[in-house]
Amino acid sequence: MRISTRPFAVLLLGAACATGRPPDRGEAEAWARERGAATRRAAVRGAFETPAVATALHLSAAVRERRAGQVAAWRAMTATERERLLADERASAARGEEFLVAL
């Protein structure tokens, strides 16, 4: 018995189309620039054979706003949801400085 792959192809194509429009390329590039400018990396050497890499990201108000814009684009948020996310990020920035550190 031979199985036709056409129905599967149609379902796959339909699923790909149902995800909505792709995120705005300009928003992604702006987020990458802002994140890159606020990120520092350094190799941590010591008694290890392979050095570890430490990365720190300063979450300034500008970085937080760009991140909120990128998250809104990824999730295809409505304007109201995006504004709520931006308001949350601004409130967090007003509470104090934050750094994200990863090893």
C-alpha atoms as a PDB file:
ATOM      1  CA  MET A   1       0.000   0.000   0.000  1.00  0.00           C
ATOM      2  CA  ARG A   2       1.332   3.384  -0.964  1.00  0.00           C
ATOM      3  CA  ILE A   3       0.737   6.392   1.292  1.00  0.00           C
ATOM      4  CA  SER A   4       0.323   9.802  -0.288  1.00  0.00           C
ATOM      5  CA  THR A   5       2.420  12.575   1.224  1.00  0.00           C
ATOM      6  CA  ARG A   6       0.256  15.340  -0.202  1.00  0.00           C
ATOM      7  CA  PRO A   7      -2.077  15.671   2.833  1.00  0.00           C
ATOM      8  CA  PHE A   8       0.935  15.942   5.149  1.00  0.00           C
ATOM      9  CA  ALA A   9       2.525  18.604   2.971  1.00  0.00           C
ATOM     10  CA  VAL A  10      -0.705  20.618   2.957  1.00  0.00           C
ATOM     11  CA  LEU A  11      -0.968  20.364   6.759  1.00  0.00           C
ATOM     12  CA  LEU A  12       2.652  21.403   7.197  1.00  0.00           C
ATOM     13  CA  LEU A  13       2.226  24.383   4.870  1.00  0.00           C
ATOM     14  CA  GLY A  14      -0.979  25.384   6.649  1.00  0.00           C
ATOM     15  CA  ALA A  15       0.739  25.225  10.034  1.00  0.00           C
ATOM     16  CA  ALA A  16       3.591  27.400   8.769  1.00  0.00           C
ATOM     17  CA  CYS A  17       1.153  30.003   7.447  1.00  0.00           C
ATOM     18  CA  ALA A  18      -0.867  30.014  10.673  1.00  0.00           C
ATOM     19  CA  THR A  19       2.049  31.309  12.738  1.00  0.00           C
ATOM     20  CA  GLY A  20       1.498  34.854  11.481  1.00  0.00           C
ATOM     21  CA  ARG A  21       3.883  37.368  10.036  1.00  0.00           C
ATOM     22  CA  PRO A  22       7.602  37.121  10.735  1.00  0.00           C
ATOM     23  CA  PRO A  23       9.081  39.492  13.338  1.00  0.00           C
ATOM     24  CA  ASP A  24      10.204  42.911  12.145  1.00  0.00           C
ATOM     25  CA  ARG A  25      13.821  42.643  10.972  1.00  0.00           C
ATOM     26  CA  GLY A  26      14.572  46.242  11.990  1.00  0.00           C
ATOM     27  CA  GLU A  27      13.404  45.578  15.551  1.00  0.00           C
ATOM     28  CA  ALA A  28      15.658  42.504  15.782  1.00  0.00           C
ATOM     29  CA  GLU A  29      18.666  44.440  14.481  1.00  0.00           C
ATOM     30  CA  ALA A  30      18.031  47.339  16.877  1.00  0.00           C
ATOM     31  CA  TRP A  31      17.804  44.882  19.794  1.00  0.00           C
ATOM     32  CA  ALA A  32      21.047  43.184  18.725  1.00  0.00           C
ATOM     33  CA  ARG A  33      22.875  46.544  18.528  1.00  0.00           C
ATOM     34  CA  GLU A  34      21.567  47.725  21.915  1.00  0.00           C
ATOM     35  CA  ARG A  35      22.327  44.382  23.586  1.00  0.00           C
ATOM     36  CA  GLY A  36      25.810  44.265  22.033  1.00  0.00           C
ATOM     37  CA  ALA A  37      26.668  47.757  23.241  1.00  0.00           C
ATOM     38  CA  ALA A  38      25.649  46.866  26.816  1.00  0.00           C
ATOM     39  CA  THR A  39      27.394  43.461  26.918  1.00  0.00           C
ATOM     40  CA  ARG A  40      30.928  42.686  28.084  1.00  0.00           C
ATOM     41  CA  ARG A  41      32.677  39.318  27.809  1.00  0.00           C
ATOM     42  CA  ALA A  42      35.897  38.047  29.367  1.00  0.00           C
ATOM     43  CA  ALA A  43      37.698  34.716  29.528  1.00  0.00           C
ATOM     44  CA  VAL A  44      38.205  33.497  33.085  1.00  0.00           C
ATOM     45  CA  ARG A  45      41.475  31.616  33.320  1.00  0.00           C
ATOM     46  CA  GLY A  46      42.886  29.843  36.308  1.00  0.00           C
ATOM     47  CA  ALA A  47      43.381  26.218  37.228  1.00  0.00           C
ATOM     48  CA  PHE A  48      41.036  25.108  34.445  1.00  0.00           C
ATOM     49  CA  GLU A  49      42.164  23.418  31.243  1.00  0.00           C
ATOM     50  CA  THR A  50      39.483  25.245  29.304  1.00  0.00           C
ATOM     51  CA  PRO A  51      38.814  28.868  30.207  1.00  0.00           C
ATOM     52  CA  ALA A  52      35.292  29.813  31.171  1.00  0.00           C
ATOM     53  CA  VAL A  53      33.650  32.797  29.525  1.00  0.00           C
ATOM     54  CA  ALA A  54      31.913  35.342  31.729  1.00  0.00           C
ATOM     55  CA  THR A  55      29.283  37.561  30.126  1.00  0.00           C
ATOM     56  CA  ALA A  56      27.628  40.566  31.755  1.00  0.00           C
ATOM     57  CA  LEU A  57      24.727  42.580  30.352  1.00  0.00           C
ATOM     58  CA  HIS A  58      23.798  45.925  31.906  1.00  0.00           C
ATOM     59  CA  LEU A  59      20.011  46.179  31.810  1.00  0.00           C
ATOM     60  CA  SER A  60      19.698  49.932  31.355  1.00  0.00           C
ATOM     61  CA  ALA A  61      16.375  51.574  30.536  1.00  0.00           C
ATOM     62  CA  ALA A  62      17.272  51.658  26.831  1.00  0.00           C
ATOM     63  CA  VAL A  63      18.204  47.957  26.784  1.00  0.00           C
ATOM     64  CA  ARG A  64      14.998  47.068  28.632  1.00  0.00           C
ATOM     65  CA  GLU A  65      12.865  48.990  26.127  1.00  0.00           C
ATOM     66  CA  ARG A  66      14.585  47.349  23.149  1.00  0.00           C
ATOM     67  CA  ARG A  67      14.182  43.946  24.777  1.00  0.00           C
ATOM     68  CA  ALA A  68      10.475  44.602  25.350  1.00  0.00           C
ATOM     69  CA  GLY A  69      10.120  45.610  21.699  1.00  0.00           C
ATOM     70  CA  GLN A  70      11.842  42.430  20.560  1.00  0.00           C
ATOM     71  CA  VAL A  71       9.749  40.215  22.852  1.00  0.00           C
ATOM     72  CA  ALA A  72       6.601  41.920  21.569  1.00  0.00           C
ATOM     73  CA  ALA A  73       7.704  41.222  17.979  1.00  0.00           C
ATOM     74  CA  TRP A  74       8.526  37.576  18.752  1.00  0.00           C
ATOM     75  CA  ARG A  75       5.171  37.015  20.426  1.00  0.00           C
ATOM     76  CA  ALA A  76       3.205  39.109  17.893  1.00  0.00           C
ATOM     77  CA  MET A  77       1.710  41.150  20.733  1.00  0.00           C
ATOM     78  CA  THR A  78      -1.032  43.688  20.231  1.00  0.00           C
ATOM     79  CA  ALA A  79      -0.285  47.370  20.813  1.00  0.00           C
ATOM     80  CA  THR A  80      -1.966  47.204  24.234  1.00  0.00           C
ATOM     81  CA  GLU A  81       0.103  44.190  25.318  1.00  0.00           C
ATOM     82  CA  ARG A  82       3.263  45.861  24.044  1.00  0.00           C
ATOM     83  CA  GLU A  83       2.540  49.053  25.998  1.00  0.00           C
ATOM     84  CA  ARG A  84       1.868  47.006  29.157  1.00  0.00           C
ATOM     85  CA  LEU A  85       5.202  45.216  28.716  1.00  0.00           C
ATOM     86  CA  LEU A  86       7.003  48.532  28.155  1.00  0.00           C
ATOM     87  CA  ALA A  87       5.370  49.987  31.283  1.00  0.00           C
ATOM     88  CA  ASP A  88       6.555  46.980  33.317  1.00  0.00           C
ATOM     89  CA  GLU A  89      10.109  47.373  31.988  1.00  0.00           C
ATOM     90  CA  ARG A  90      10.129  51.111  32.744  1.00  0.00           C
ATOM     91  CA  ALA A  91       8.912  50.435  36.293  1.00  0.00           C
ATOM     92  CA  SER A  92      11.674  47.840  36.781  1.00  0.00           C
ATOM     93  CA  ALA A  93      14.287  50.274  35.473  1.00  0.00           C
ATOM     94  CA  ALA A  94      13.028  52.969  37.852  1.00  0.00           C
ATOM     95  CA  ARG A  95      13.473  50.632  40.846  1.00  0.00           C
ATOM     96  CA  GLY A  96      17.217  50.276  40.248  1.00  0.00           C
ATOM     97  CA  GLU A  97      20.107  49.101  38.119  1.00  0.00           C
ATOM     98  CA  GLU A  98      20.336  45.445  37.081  1.00  0.00           C
ATOM     99  CA  PHE A  99      23.031  43.297  35.540  1.00  0.00           C
ATOM    100  CA  LEU A 100      22.612  39.856  34.029  1.00  0.00           C
ATOM    101  CA  VAL A 101      25.766  37.782  34.561  1.00  0.00           C
ATOM    102  CA  ALA A 102      26.321  34.370  32.973  1.00  0.00           C
ATOM    103  CA  LEU A 103      29.268  31.973  33.078  1.00  0.00           C
END
